[in-house]
N, C-alpha and C. Protein backbone atom coordinates (compact mmCIF):
# COMPACT_ATOMS: atom_id res chain seq x y z
N MET A 1 0.73 -1.21 0.09
CA MET A 1 -0.12 -0.21 -0.05
C MET A 1 0.79 1.20 -0.17
N MET A 2 1.41 1.34 0.86
CA MET A 2 2.82 2.26 1.11
C MET A 2 3.59 2.96 -0.52
N ARG A 3 4.08 1.54 -0.75
CA ARG A 3 4.86 1.69 -1.88
C ARG A 3 4.37 1.75 -3.21
N ASN A 4 2.73 1.68 -3.38
CA ASN A 4 1.74 2.21 -4.05
C ASN A 4 1.48 4.20 -4.12
N ARG A 5 1.54 4.27 -3.43
CA ARG A 5 1.31 5.91 -2.69
C ARG A 5 2.71 6.00 -2.98
N LYS A 6 3.72 5.56 -2.22
CA LYS A 6 5.05 6.35 -3.12
C LYS A 6 5.16 6.33 -4.54
N ALA A 7 4.86 5.28 -4.96
CA ALA A 7 5.09 5.01 -6.79
C ALA A 7 4.33 6.30 -7.46
N LYS A 8 3.05 6.36 -7.02
CA LYS A 8 2.30 7.41 -7.17
C LYS A 8 2.99 9.01 -7.24
N GLU A 9 3.21 9.10 -5.99
CA GLU A 9 3.92 10.38 -6.02
C GLU A 9 4.79 10.79 -6.69
N MET A 10 5.81 9.44 -6.40
CA MET A 10 7.13 9.84 -7.41
C MET A 10 6.60 10.03 -8.98
N ASN A 11 5.54 9.24 -9.31
CA ASN A 11 5.25 9.30 -10.77
C ASN A 11 4.53 11.26 -11.34
N SER A 12 3.70 11.77 -10.27
CA SER A 12 3.24 12.83 -10.00
C SER A 12 4.02 13.93 -10.12
N VAL A 13 5.08 13.44 -9.51
CA VAL A 13 6.65 14.69 -9.59
C VAL A 13 7.13 14.97 -10.95
N THR A 14 7.15 13.22 -11.72
CA THR A 14 7.67 13.27 -12.66
C THR A 14 7.40 14.20 -13.50
N ILE A 15 5.35 13.75 -13.55
CA ILE A 15 4.52 14.69 -14.95
C ILE A 15 5.05 15.95 -14.46
N GLU A 16 4.92 16.18 -13.16
CA GLU A 16 5.20 18.08 -12.63
C GLU A 16 6.19 18.60 -13.31
N THR A 17 7.46 17.93 -13.11
CA THR A 17 8.50 18.53 -13.73
C THR A 17 8.62 18.45 -15.39
N ILE A 18 8.28 17.62 -15.87
CA ILE A 18 8.36 17.61 -17.14
C ILE A 18 7.24 18.55 -17.77
N ARG A 19 6.30 19.01 -17.08
CA ARG A 19 5.72 19.86 -17.23
C ARG A 19 6.02 21.41 -16.95
N LYS A 20 6.62 21.35 -16.35
CA LYS A 20 7.27 22.73 -15.72
C LYS A 20 8.57 22.88 -16.96
N LYS A 21 9.51 21.69 -16.89
CA LYS A 21 10.72 21.97 -18.01
C LYS A 21 10.03 22.35 -19.35
N GLY A 22 8.51 21.51 -19.48
CA GLY A 22 8.43 21.83 -21.08
C GLY A 22 7.90 22.95 -21.38
N TYR A 23 7.41 23.64 -20.46
CA TYR A 23 6.85 25.13 -20.43
C TYR A 23 8.07 25.90 -20.60
N ALA A 24 9.04 25.64 -19.59
CA ALA A 24 10.20 26.59 -19.76
C ALA A 24 10.70 26.69 -21.22
N LEU A 25 10.95 25.29 -21.68
CA LEU A 25 11.59 25.10 -23.10
C LEU A 25 10.62 26.15 -23.83
N SER A 26 9.47 26.08 -23.96
CA SER A 26 8.46 26.66 -25.00
C SER A 26 8.71 27.96 -25.10
N ILE A 27 9.00 28.51 -23.51
CA ILE A 27 9.08 30.13 -23.88
C ILE A 27 10.65 30.23 -24.35
N ILE A 28 11.01 29.54 -24.28
CA ILE A 28 12.69 29.87 -25.08
C ILE A 28 12.48 29.45 -26.71
N LEU A 29 12.11 28.40 -27.09
CA LEU A 29 11.84 27.87 -28.08
C LEU A 29 10.84 28.38 -28.85
N TYR A 30 9.58 28.94 -28.85
CA TYR A 30 8.77 29.56 -29.73
C TYR A 30 9.39 30.94 -30.33
N PRO A 31 9.81 31.92 -29.64
CA PRO A 31 10.50 33.03 -30.69
C PRO A 31 11.40 32.57 -31.33
N LEU A 32 12.83 31.53 -30.85
CA LEU A 32 13.73 31.23 -31.22
C LEU A 32 13.59 30.67 -32.62
N MET A 33 12.96 29.64 -32.82
CA MET A 33 12.21 28.96 -34.05
C MET A 33 11.84 29.84 -34.98
N LEU A 34 10.63 30.92 -34.84
CA LEU A 34 10.39 32.09 -35.80
C LEU A 34 11.55 32.83 -36.26
N PHE A 35 12.31 33.19 -35.24
CA PHE A 35 13.53 33.96 -35.77
C PHE A 35 14.20 33.27 -36.92
N ILE A 36 14.53 31.74 -36.46
CA ILE A 36 15.50 31.00 -37.38
C ILE A 36 14.90 30.93 -39.02
N GLY A 37 13.77 30.40 -38.67
CA GLY A 37 12.65 30.35 -39.92
C GLY A 37 12.70 31.50 -40.37
N PHE A 38 12.56 32.97 -40.25
CA PHE A 38 12.27 33.62 -40.91
C PHE A 38 13.84 34.47 -41.45
N VAL A 39 14.78 34.46 -40.30
CA VAL A 39 16.32 34.75 -40.97
C VAL A 39 16.85 33.73 -41.92
N THR A 40 16.40 32.92 -42.65
CA THR A 40 16.94 32.14 -43.03
C THR A 40 16.54 32.31 -44.80
N HIS A 41 15.31 32.95 -44.85
CA HIS A 41 14.75 33.26 -45.71
C HIS A 41 16.13 33.94 -46.90
N PRO A 42 16.13 33.66 -48.10
CA PRO A 42 16.76 34.37 -49.20
C PRO A 42 16.55 35.76 -49.54
N ASN A 43 17.62 36.50 -49.77
CA ASN A 43 17.41 37.72 -49.90
C ASN A 43 16.62 38.59 -48.83
N LEU A 44 17.25 38.52 -47.55
CA LEU A 44 16.57 38.46 -46.52
C LEU A 44 16.45 40.28 -46.65
N LEU A 45 17.45 40.99 -47.08
CA LEU A 45 17.57 42.32 -46.92
C LEU A 45 16.66 43.11 -47.79
N ALA A 46 16.12 42.24 -48.86
CA ALA A 46 15.42 42.98 -50.06
C ALA A 46 14.40 44.00 -49.84
N MET A 47 13.40 43.43 -48.73
CA MET A 47 12.63 44.65 -48.21
C MET A 47 11.66 44.73 -49.52
N GLU A 48 10.92 43.88 -49.63
CA GLU A 48 10.37 43.65 -50.83
C GLU A 48 8.89 43.01 -50.41
N PRO A 49 7.69 43.56 -50.59
CA PRO A 49 6.53 42.79 -50.56
C PRO A 49 6.01 41.97 -51.73
N LEU A 50 5.61 41.02 -51.07
CA LEU A 50 5.24 39.47 -52.15
C LEU A 50 3.90 40.57 -52.36
N HIS A 51 3.74 40.75 -53.94
CA HIS A 51 2.54 41.01 -54.81
C HIS A 51 2.33 40.32 -56.14
N THR A 52 3.52 39.72 -56.80
CA THR A 52 3.49 39.06 -58.08
C THR A 52 4.25 37.65 -57.83
N VAL A 53 4.04 36.98 -58.46
CA VAL A 53 4.00 35.41 -59.09
C VAL A 53 5.84 35.78 -59.41
N GLU A 54 6.48 36.68 -59.58
CA GLU A 54 7.55 36.80 -60.12
C GLU A 54 8.67 36.50 -58.85
N GLN A 55 8.41 37.71 -58.18
CA GLN A 55 8.49 37.32 -56.90
C GLN A 55 8.79 36.33 -55.61
N LEU A 56 7.26 35.67 -55.69
CA LEU A 56 7.42 34.50 -55.16
C LEU A 56 8.39 33.65 -55.99
N VAL A 57 8.39 33.36 -57.19
CA VAL A 57 8.91 32.19 -57.29
C VAL A 57 10.69 32.67 -57.30
N ALA A 58 10.84 34.11 -57.30
CA ALA A 58 12.25 34.11 -56.98
C ALA A 58 12.56 33.97 -55.63
N ARG A 59 11.60 33.59 -54.65
CA ARG A 59 12.05 33.45 -53.21
C ARG A 59 12.22 32.15 -53.24
N PHE A 60 11.33 31.19 -53.43
CA PHE A 60 11.25 29.93 -53.65
C PHE A 60 11.93 28.88 -54.33
N HIS A 61 11.83 29.49 -55.88
CA HIS A 61 12.55 28.53 -56.85
C HIS A 61 14.12 28.42 -56.67
N ASN A 62 14.56 26.67 -56.62
CA ASN A 62 15.88 26.23 -56.46
C ASN A 62 16.32 26.95 -54.92
N ASN A 63 15.89 27.39 -53.83
CA ASN A 63 16.02 28.26 -52.82
C ASN A 63 15.85 27.09 -51.70
N PRO A 64 16.53 26.16 -51.35
CA PRO A 64 16.06 25.34 -50.07
C PRO A 64 15.93 25.44 -49.10
N MET A 65 16.74 26.84 -48.54
CA MET A 65 16.50 27.29 -47.42
C MET A 65 15.19 27.74 -47.35
N TYR A 66 14.33 28.33 -47.94
CA TYR A 66 12.92 29.09 -48.08
C TYR A 66 11.94 27.75 -47.52
N HIS A 67 12.69 26.54 -48.01
CA HIS A 67 11.52 25.38 -47.71
C HIS A 67 11.81 25.29 -46.10
N TYR A 68 13.40 25.37 -45.90
CA TYR A 68 13.63 24.83 -44.97
C TYR A 68 13.04 25.50 -43.46
N GLY A 69 13.39 26.94 -43.79
CA GLY A 69 12.87 28.21 -42.91
C GLY A 69 11.41 27.77 -42.79
N HIS A 70 10.36 27.86 -43.33
CA HIS A 70 8.95 27.56 -43.61
C HIS A 70 8.71 26.20 -42.45
N LEU A 71 9.63 25.15 -42.84
CA LEU A 71 9.63 24.00 -41.98
C LEU A 71 9.62 24.08 -40.64
N ILE A 72 10.28 24.79 -40.20
CA ILE A 72 11.12 25.21 -38.88
C ILE A 72 10.13 25.80 -38.40
N VAL A 73 9.50 27.12 -39.09
CA VAL A 73 8.03 27.50 -38.39
C VAL A 73 7.01 26.80 -37.99
N THR A 74 6.78 25.87 -39.01
CA THR A 74 5.27 24.80 -38.79
C THR A 74 5.83 24.09 -37.36
N PHE A 75 7.21 23.31 -37.40
CA PHE A 75 7.33 22.64 -36.33
C PHE A 75 7.25 23.41 -35.22
N ALA A 76 7.35 24.84 -34.98
CA ALA A 76 6.99 25.58 -34.01
C ALA A 76 5.75 25.80 -33.62
N VAL A 77 4.96 25.37 -34.62
CA VAL A 77 3.20 25.40 -33.93
C VAL A 77 3.08 24.20 -32.68
N PRO A 78 3.70 23.27 -32.58
CA PRO A 78 3.19 22.65 -30.98
C PRO A 78 3.77 23.39 -30.06
N VAL A 79 4.91 23.98 -30.32
CA VAL A 79 5.83 24.88 -29.24
C VAL A 79 5.04 25.87 -28.65
N VAL A 80 4.14 26.48 -29.65
CA VAL A 80 3.64 27.73 -29.49
C VAL A 80 2.00 27.22 -28.81
N ILE A 81 1.82 26.28 -29.13
CA ILE A 81 0.47 25.88 -28.25
C ILE A 81 1.05 25.54 -26.92
N VAL A 82 2.05 24.59 -26.55
CA VAL A 82 2.45 24.58 -25.47
C VAL A 82 2.43 25.82 -24.68
N TYR A 83 3.02 26.83 -25.32
CA TYR A 83 3.16 28.10 -24.69
C TYR A 83 2.14 28.72 -24.26
N PHE A 84 0.87 28.73 -24.91
CA PHE A 84 0.14 29.49 -24.81
C PHE A 84 -0.86 29.17 -23.63
N ILE A 85 -1.19 27.46 -23.59
CA ILE A 85 -1.59 26.77 -22.87
C ILE A 85 -0.84 27.04 -21.17
N GLY A 86 0.40 26.74 -21.33
CA GLY A 86 1.21 27.04 -20.35
C GLY A 86 1.00 28.22 -19.49
N THR A 87 0.90 29.43 -20.31
CA THR A 87 0.89 30.67 -19.85
C THR A 87 -0.72 30.96 -19.10
N MET A 88 -1.64 30.03 -19.98
CA MET A 88 -3.00 30.41 -19.43
C MET A 88 -3.10 29.38 -18.01
N ASN A 89 -2.29 28.69 -17.67
CA ASN A 89 -2.45 28.04 -16.74
C ASN A 89 -1.53 28.90 -15.60
N LEU A 90 -0.33 29.35 -15.99
CA LEU A 90 0.52 30.26 -15.09
C LEU A 90 -0.52 31.42 -14.51
N LEU A 91 -1.11 31.80 -15.32
CA LEU A 91 -2.04 33.26 -15.07
C LEU A 91 -3.57 33.20 -14.09
N GLN A 92 -2.94 33.16 -13.10
CA GLN A 92 -4.55 32.48 -12.18
C GLN A 92 -4.67 33.68 -11.20
N GLY A 93 -4.50 35.04 -11.47
CA GLY A 93 -4.51 36.23 -10.66
C GLY A 93 -5.31 36.97 -11.26
N GLU A 94 -4.92 38.41 -11.15
CA GLU A 94 -5.30 39.54 -12.00
C GLU A 94 -5.40 39.31 -13.29
N GLY A 95 -4.68 38.28 -13.95
CA GLY A 95 -4.36 37.94 -15.33
C GLY A 95 -4.89 36.81 -15.99
N LYS A 96 -5.71 36.35 -15.00
CA LYS A 96 -6.14 34.94 -15.63
C LYS A 96 -7.56 35.09 -16.85
N LYS A 97 -8.17 36.58 -16.90
CA LYS A 97 -9.08 36.42 -17.95
C LYS A 97 -8.07 36.97 -19.34
N TYR A 98 -7.08 37.38 -19.11
CA TYR A 98 -5.78 37.60 -20.23
C TYR A 98 -5.49 36.53 -20.69
N GLY A 99 -5.31 35.24 -19.47
CA GLY A 99 -4.20 34.08 -20.10
C GLY A 99 -5.26 33.43 -21.08
N PHE A 100 -6.58 33.39 -20.56
CA PHE A 100 -7.58 32.64 -20.76
C PHE A 100 -7.84 32.73 -22.51
N TRP A 101 -8.28 34.16 -22.61
CA TRP A 101 -8.90 34.61 -23.64
C TRP A 101 -7.43 34.84 -24.93
N GLY A 102 -6.36 34.72 -24.33
CA GLY A 102 -4.98 34.58 -24.94
C GLY A 102 -4.91 33.47 -25.70
N ALA A 103 -5.28 32.56 -24.54
CA ALA A 103 -5.15 31.07 -25.01
C ALA A 103 -6.04 30.70 -26.18
N VAL A 104 -7.35 31.19 -25.98
CA VAL A 104 -8.43 30.80 -27.31
C VAL A 104 -7.92 31.14 -28.49
N LEU A 105 -7.61 32.63 -28.38
CA LEU A 105 -6.95 33.09 -29.69
C LEU A 105 -5.68 32.32 -30.07
N GLY A 106 -4.91 32.37 -29.46
CA GLY A 106 -3.48 32.13 -29.67
C GLY A 106 -3.40 30.48 -30.36
N VAL A 107 -4.12 29.76 -29.60
CA VAL A 107 -4.05 28.53 -30.17
C VAL A 107 -4.50 28.30 -31.47
N PHE A 108 -5.68 29.00 -31.54
CA PHE A 108 -6.31 29.04 -32.96
C PHE A 108 -5.44 29.63 -33.82
N GLY A 109 -4.95 30.75 -33.59
CA GLY A 109 -3.44 31.21 -34.68
C GLY A 109 -2.64 30.44 -34.81
N ALA A 110 -2.34 29.61 -33.92
CA ALA A 110 -1.12 28.47 -34.18
C ALA A 110 -1.60 27.62 -35.17
N PHE A 111 -2.76 27.12 -34.99
CA PHE A 111 -3.44 26.30 -35.98
C PHE A 111 -3.79 26.71 -37.47
N ILE A 112 -3.81 28.19 -37.19
CA ILE A 112 -4.11 29.17 -39.15
C ILE A 112 -2.37 29.09 -39.16
N LEU A 113 -1.06 28.84 -38.46
CA LEU A 113 -0.07 29.20 -38.91
C LEU A 113 0.54 28.08 -38.91
N ALA A 114 -0.12 26.88 -38.84
CA ALA A 114 0.48 25.28 -39.38
C ALA A 114 -0.38 25.18 -40.99
N VAL A 115 -1.42 25.53 -40.75
CA VAL A 115 -2.36 25.56 -42.24
C VAL A 115 -1.35 26.39 -43.14
N ASP A 116 -1.00 27.60 -43.16
CA ASP A 116 -0.28 28.69 -43.98
C ASP A 116 1.21 28.37 -44.17
N LYS A 117 1.99 27.93 -43.01
CA LYS A 117 3.30 27.35 -43.54
C LYS A 117 3.50 26.06 -43.82
N GLY A 118 2.36 25.12 -43.29
CA GLY A 118 2.94 23.86 -43.50
C GLY A 118 2.46 23.25 -44.89
N ALA A 119 1.15 23.97 -45.36
CA ALA A 119 0.64 23.32 -46.40
C ALA A 119 1.26 23.98 -47.50
N LEU A 120 1.70 25.52 -47.44
CA LEU A 120 1.98 26.26 -48.86
C LEU A 120 3.87 25.65 -48.75
N CYS A 121 4.22 25.51 -47.62
CA CYS A 121 5.62 24.88 -47.71
C CYS A 121 5.60 23.24 -48.27
N LEU A 122 5.06 22.78 -47.82
CA LEU A 122 4.99 21.38 -48.71
C LEU A 122 4.72 21.27 -49.88
N THR A 123 3.48 22.18 -50.33
CA THR A 123 3.61 22.36 -51.48
C THR A 123 4.54 22.89 -52.43
N MET A 124 5.25 23.99 -51.80
CA MET A 124 6.03 24.60 -52.76
C MET A 124 7.33 23.99 -53.20
N SER A 125 7.85 23.15 -51.94
CA SER A 125 8.86 22.17 -52.33
C SER A 125 8.39 21.16 -53.41
N ALA A 126 7.22 20.56 -53.31
CA ALA A 126 7.20 19.77 -54.49
C ALA A 126 6.83 20.35 -55.73
N PHE A 127 6.35 21.66 -56.09
CA PHE A 127 6.71 22.31 -57.50
C PHE A 127 8.12 22.58 -57.64
N ASP A 128 8.48 22.44 -56.68
CA ASP A 128 10.43 22.95 -57.23
C ASP A 128 10.91 21.89 -57.26
N THR A 129 10.49 20.59 -57.33
CA THR A 129 11.15 19.39 -58.02
C THR A 129 10.99 19.25 -59.48
N LEU A 130 9.79 19.86 -59.92
CA LEU A 130 9.52 19.99 -61.60
C LEU A 130 10.57 20.10 -62.39
N PRO A 131 10.82 19.55 -63.61
CA PRO A 131 11.89 20.06 -64.32
C PRO A 131 11.47 21.67 -64.99
N GLU A 132 12.58 22.17 -65.24
CA GLU A 132 12.42 23.62 -65.62
C GLU A 132 11.47 24.03 -66.74
N GLU A 133 11.26 23.51 -67.46
CA GLU A 133 10.53 23.52 -68.77
C GLU A 133 9.11 23.42 -68.21
N GLN A 134 8.35 22.18 -67.45
CA GLN A 134 7.63 21.92 -66.53
C GLN A 134 7.32 23.12 -65.85
N PHE A 135 7.97 23.74 -64.98
CA PHE A 135 7.72 24.50 -64.01
C PHE A 135 7.57 25.83 -64.78
N ALA A 136 8.37 26.39 -65.68
CA ALA A 136 7.78 27.57 -66.15
C ALA A 136 6.51 27.84 -67.00
N ALA A 137 5.86 26.27 -67.35
CA ALA A 137 4.57 26.34 -67.87
C ALA A 137 3.87 26.34 -66.88
N PHE A 138 4.11 25.97 -65.40
CA PHE A 138 3.22 26.12 -64.30
C PHE A 138 3.15 27.39 -63.90
N SER A 139 4.29 28.03 -63.52
CA SER A 139 4.41 28.94 -62.63
C SER A 139 3.12 29.98 -62.91
N PRO A 140 2.62 30.51 -63.89
CA PRO A 140 1.72 31.39 -64.02
C PRO A 140 0.46 30.96 -62.92
N TYR A 141 0.22 29.50 -62.97
CA TYR A 141 -0.75 29.24 -61.97
C TYR A 141 -0.98 29.96 -60.39
N LEU A 142 0.49 30.12 -60.32
CA LEU A 142 0.45 30.28 -58.60
C LEU A 142 0.31 31.43 -58.47
N GLU A 143 -0.52 32.30 -59.45
CA GLU A 143 -1.36 33.89 -59.19
C GLU A 143 -2.41 33.16 -57.88
N VAL A 144 -2.92 32.27 -58.07
CA VAL A 144 -3.85 31.72 -57.14
C VAL A 144 -3.16 31.86 -55.96
N ILE A 145 -2.07 31.55 -55.33
CA ILE A 145 -1.70 31.25 -54.12
C ILE A 145 -1.17 33.00 -53.72
N VAL A 146 -0.29 33.86 -54.52
CA VAL A 146 -0.28 35.14 -54.29
C VAL A 146 -1.91 35.92 -53.84
N SER A 147 -2.50 35.71 -54.90
CA SER A 147 -4.00 36.72 -54.27
C SER A 147 -4.77 35.79 -53.66
N LYS A 148 -4.26 34.80 -52.83
CA LYS A 148 -4.97 34.06 -51.60
C LYS A 148 -6.51 33.90 -52.17
N ASP A 149 -6.77 33.34 -53.57
CA ASP A 149 -7.94 32.70 -53.67
C ASP A 149 -8.51 31.99 -53.41
N GLY A 150 -9.71 31.28 -53.23
CA GLY A 150 -10.22 30.50 -52.58
C GLY A 150 -10.24 30.29 -51.44
N LEU A 151 -10.26 29.42 -50.70
CA LEU A 151 -10.05 29.41 -49.27
C LEU A 151 -8.89 29.98 -48.65
N LEU A 152 -7.74 30.13 -49.16
CA LEU A 152 -6.53 30.87 -48.97
C LEU A 152 -6.94 31.83 -47.92
N PHE A 153 -8.07 32.76 -48.04
CA PHE A 153 -8.29 33.56 -47.40
C PHE A 153 -8.21 33.79 -45.84
N ILE A 154 -8.63 32.34 -45.51
CA ILE A 154 -8.27 32.13 -44.05
C ILE A 154 -7.21 32.40 -43.48
N VAL A 155 -6.44 32.35 -44.23
CA VAL A 155 -4.77 32.64 -43.81
C VAL A 155 -4.20 33.86 -42.80
N TRP A 156 -5.24 35.19 -43.14
CA TRP A 156 -5.72 36.30 -42.40
C TRP A 156 -5.71 35.95 -40.99
N LEU A 157 -6.36 34.94 -40.88
CA LEU A 157 -7.02 34.60 -39.20
C LEU A 157 -5.60 34.21 -38.63
N LEU A 158 -4.38 34.67 -39.25
CA LEU A 158 -3.48 34.44 -38.29
C LEU A 158 -3.34 35.54 -37.41
N PHE A 159 -3.89 36.61 -37.42
CA PHE A 159 -4.05 37.87 -36.76
C PHE A 159 -4.40 37.23 -35.40
N ALA A 160 -5.23 35.91 -35.43
CA ALA A 160 -5.45 35.53 -33.92
C ALA A 160 -4.54 35.50 -32.89
N LEU A 161 -3.12 35.03 -33.28
CA LEU A 161 -1.96 34.41 -32.56
C LEU A 161 -1.69 35.67 -32.14
N ILE A 162 -1.14 36.85 -33.01
CA ILE A 162 -0.73 38.06 -32.66
C ILE A 162 -1.92 38.77 -31.38
N ILE A 163 -3.22 38.35 -31.63
CA ILE A 163 -3.86 39.15 -30.27
C ILE A 163 -3.75 38.34 -29.29
N GLY A 164 -3.61 37.19 -29.20
CA GLY A 164 -3.71 36.45 -28.34
C GLY A 164 -2.29 36.43 -27.44
N GLY A 165 -1.38 36.68 -28.59
CA GLY A 165 -0.01 36.96 -27.87
C GLY A 165 -0.03 38.23 -27.01
N ILE A 166 -0.50 39.31 -27.51
CA ILE A 166 -0.74 40.37 -26.88
C ILE A 166 -1.60 40.42 -25.35
N LEU A 167 -2.74 39.92 -25.74
CA LEU A 167 -3.51 39.32 -24.64
C LEU A 167 -2.82 38.90 -23.45
N GLN A 168 -1.97 37.98 -23.55
CA GLN A 168 -1.37 37.05 -22.39
C GLN A 168 -0.08 38.48 -22.13
N THR A 169 0.43 38.78 -22.95
CA THR A 169 1.37 39.24 -22.65
C THR A 169 0.95 40.92 -21.43
N ILE A 170 -0.14 41.18 -21.74
CA ILE A 170 -0.66 41.99 -20.49
C ILE A 170 -0.98 41.46 -19.30
N GLY A 171 -1.50 40.02 -19.23
CA GLY A 171 -1.66 39.43 -18.18
C GLY A 171 -0.50 39.27 -17.48
N LEU A 172 0.69 38.97 -18.32
CA LEU A 172 2.08 38.50 -17.47
C LEU A 172 3.09 39.75 -16.86
N VAL A 173 2.47 41.05 -17.11
CA VAL A 173 2.64 42.22 -16.66
C VAL A 173 1.95 42.35 -15.50
N ARG A 174 0.40 42.45 -15.53
CA ARG A 174 -0.21 42.61 -14.36
C ARG A 174 -0.08 41.70 -13.03
N GLU A 175 0.79 40.39 -13.53
CA GLU A 175 0.78 39.44 -12.25
C GLU A 175 2.27 39.39 -11.88
N ARG A 176 3.03 40.38 -12.70
CA ARG A 176 4.39 40.70 -12.40
C ARG A 176 5.20 39.38 -12.64
N VAL A 177 5.06 38.76 -14.03
CA VAL A 177 5.79 37.40 -14.30
C VAL A 177 6.97 37.95 -14.97
N ILE A 178 6.73 39.32 -15.70
CA ILE A 178 7.65 40.09 -16.77
C ILE A 178 7.89 41.32 -16.52
N LYS A 179 9.20 42.23 -16.64
CA LYS A 179 8.94 43.32 -16.86
C LYS A 179 8.52 44.00 -17.77
N LYS A 180 8.42 45.30 -17.57
CA LYS A 180 7.39 46.04 -18.39
C LYS A 180 8.63 46.37 -19.71
N TRP A 181 9.65 46.29 -19.78
CA TRP A 181 10.26 46.44 -20.69
C TRP A 181 10.37 45.06 -21.81
N GLN A 182 9.86 43.84 -21.26
CA GLN A 182 9.96 42.75 -22.07
C GLN A 182 8.22 42.44 -22.52
N ALA A 183 7.56 42.85 -21.95
CA ALA A 183 6.27 43.52 -22.29
C ALA A 183 6.46 43.97 -23.61
N VAL A 184 6.71 45.36 -23.48
CA VAL A 184 7.00 46.01 -24.93
C VAL A 184 7.62 45.72 -25.55
N LEU A 185 8.71 44.86 -25.94
CA LEU A 185 9.26 44.08 -26.72
C LEU A 185 8.48 43.04 -27.37
N ILE A 186 7.63 42.45 -26.42
CA ILE A 186 7.35 41.46 -27.08
C ILE A 186 5.88 41.59 -28.09
N ILE A 187 5.43 42.75 -27.53
CA ILE A 187 3.90 43.31 -28.00
C ILE A 187 4.42 43.79 -29.51
N ILE A 188 5.70 44.46 -29.41
CA ILE A 188 6.41 45.56 -30.59
C ILE A 188 6.89 44.15 -31.54
N GLY A 189 7.47 43.26 -31.12
CA GLY A 189 7.73 42.03 -31.73
C GLY A 189 6.70 41.23 -32.76
N LEU A 190 5.48 41.54 -31.93
CA LEU A 190 4.10 40.44 -32.51
C LEU A 190 3.85 41.60 -33.74
N LEU A 191 3.80 42.66 -32.97
CA LEU A 191 3.08 43.63 -33.98
C LEU A 191 3.86 43.67 -35.72
N LEU A 192 4.82 43.41 -35.57
CA LEU A 192 5.88 43.40 -36.51
C LEU A 192 5.74 42.08 -37.28
N LEU A 193 5.26 41.35 -36.96
CA LEU A 193 5.10 40.00 -37.89
C LEU A 193 4.04 40.47 -38.60
N VAL A 194 3.06 41.62 -38.43
CA VAL A 194 1.72 41.67 -39.48
C VAL A 194 2.57 42.45 -40.40
N ASN A 195 3.05 42.22 -41.38
CA ASN A 195 3.36 42.67 -42.61
C ASN A 195 3.32 42.03 -43.86
N PRO A 196 3.72 42.96 -45.01
CA PRO A 196 2.91 42.02 -46.24
C PRO A 196 4.04 41.24 -47.09
N ASP A 197 4.71 39.66 -46.14
CA ASP A 197 5.76 39.34 -46.35
C ASP A 197 7.09 39.70 -46.89
N ILE A 198 7.32 40.72 -45.66
CA ILE A 198 8.80 41.25 -45.97
C ILE A 198 9.56 40.49 -44.55
N GLU A 199 10.36 40.14 -45.17
CA GLU A 199 10.94 38.69 -44.17
C GLU A 199 12.10 39.45 -43.20
N LEU A 200 12.49 40.42 -43.94
CA LEU A 200 13.39 41.67 -42.76
C LEU A 200 12.41 41.92 -41.29
N ILE A 201 11.20 42.35 -41.76
CA ILE A 201 10.55 43.21 -40.74
C ILE A 201 10.33 42.03 -39.91
N SER A 202 9.99 40.65 -40.41
CA SER A 202 9.19 39.42 -39.47
C SER A 202 10.60 39.19 -38.29
N SER A 203 11.86 38.92 -39.26
CA SER A 203 13.11 38.92 -38.44
C SER A 203 13.08 39.63 -37.49
N ILE A 204 13.04 41.17 -37.37
CA ILE A 204 13.14 41.85 -36.39
C ILE A 204 12.24 41.92 -35.31
N GLY A 205 11.13 41.38 -35.58
CA GLY A 205 10.12 41.15 -34.63
C GLY A 205 10.52 40.13 -33.74
N SER A 206 10.76 39.13 -34.49
CA SER A 206 11.07 37.92 -33.98
C SER A 206 12.11 37.79 -33.02
N PHE A 207 13.25 38.60 -33.03
CA PHE A 207 14.53 39.11 -32.62
C PHE A 207 13.97 39.51 -31.05
N LEU A 208 13.51 40.91 -31.34
CA LEU A 208 12.71 41.32 -30.16
C LEU A 208 12.36 40.43 -29.50
N MET A 209 11.48 39.88 -29.74
CA MET A 209 10.42 38.88 -28.79
C MET A 209 11.84 37.82 -28.28
N CYS A 210 12.81 37.11 -28.81
CA CYS A 210 13.63 36.59 -28.46
C CYS A 210 14.50 37.33 -27.33
N VAL A 211 14.55 38.71 -27.07
CA VAL A 211 15.45 39.60 -26.43
C VAL A 211 14.68 39.30 -25.12
N ALA A 212 12.86 39.48 -25.20
CA ALA A 212 12.34 39.27 -24.17
C ALA A 212 11.98 38.13 -23.55
N TYR A 213 11.37 37.32 -24.17
CA TYR A 213 11.34 35.69 -23.83
C TYR A 213 12.40 34.77 -22.81
N ILE A 214 13.49 35.22 -23.92
CA ILE A 214 14.62 33.70 -23.47
C ILE A 214 15.15 34.03 -22.15
N PRO A 215 15.10 35.16 -21.54
CA PRO A 215 15.82 35.19 -20.18
C PRO A 215 15.02 35.10 -18.90
N TRP A 216 13.46 35.05 -19.33
CA TRP A 216 12.28 34.55 -18.55
C TRP A 216 12.08 33.14 -18.63
N GLY A 217 12.37 32.57 -19.94
CA GLY A 217 12.33 30.88 -20.08
C GLY A 217 13.56 30.50 -19.33
N TRP A 218 14.59 31.57 -19.65
CA TRP A 218 15.54 30.68 -18.70
C TRP A 218 15.37 30.60 -17.60
N ARG A 219 14.76 31.48 -16.79
CA ARG A 219 14.63 31.83 -15.32
C ARG A 219 13.55 30.68 -14.95
N GLU A 220 12.45 30.46 -16.18
CA GLU A 220 11.67 29.24 -15.50
C GLU A 220 12.32 27.73 -15.72
N LEU A 221 13.59 27.72 -16.41
CA LEU A 221 13.86 26.32 -16.53
C LEU A 221 14.65 25.79 -15.41
N HIS A 222 15.55 27.20 -14.96
CA HIS A 222 15.97 26.92 -13.69
C HIS A 222 15.21 27.45 -12.08
N GLY A 223 14.06 27.05 -12.18
CA GLY A 223 12.96 27.07 -11.28
C GLY A 223 13.33 28.34 -10.75
N LYS A 224 13.48 29.72 -10.89
CA LYS A 224 13.74 30.81 -10.56
C LYS A 224 12.72 31.83 -10.55
């Protein structure tokens, strides 16, 4: 009886440790994976919004780093979900409502991020394997992707992730989990992600998030 109780207690402690360490790692990896995903894009300094098929082709055709960058952002989605849910569980005082609604919007936005970067990344990488002659004949049809025809308009719902992140940041400040300068950097970083596919701006935004999140995640990782 006593042995079973001790086993259960040890199992409970192990799960709690994994949960805490996993949440701490998500705080660190969430902005870091976004930064790596954005900064690996080709022609990073071009400052060119995506408006034409020619611009899209120039970015991804024969540029494997473009696909790898999007793949990293896709793999960041489970980490982002862990972060939002973990922050919701953390905020149980003045920031509780911000934590809850931030998680609702943030998790939904993370799902849309997976749809956007995952589906388009995998599809574009498949197109990139076509022989040059076939690719040249096919490329005009990419206009529907650039103009977000059909159901592609749902990628605009990525705003939910930004709003969710801002709400939870407000909750974190209200409960004094992070400092005001960290909150300012996180909010500015999130807002910079809202741009017409200019990767340099997204890279700067995710870098500001790294500066704010990583010290906090490091403290959580070491139980401080």
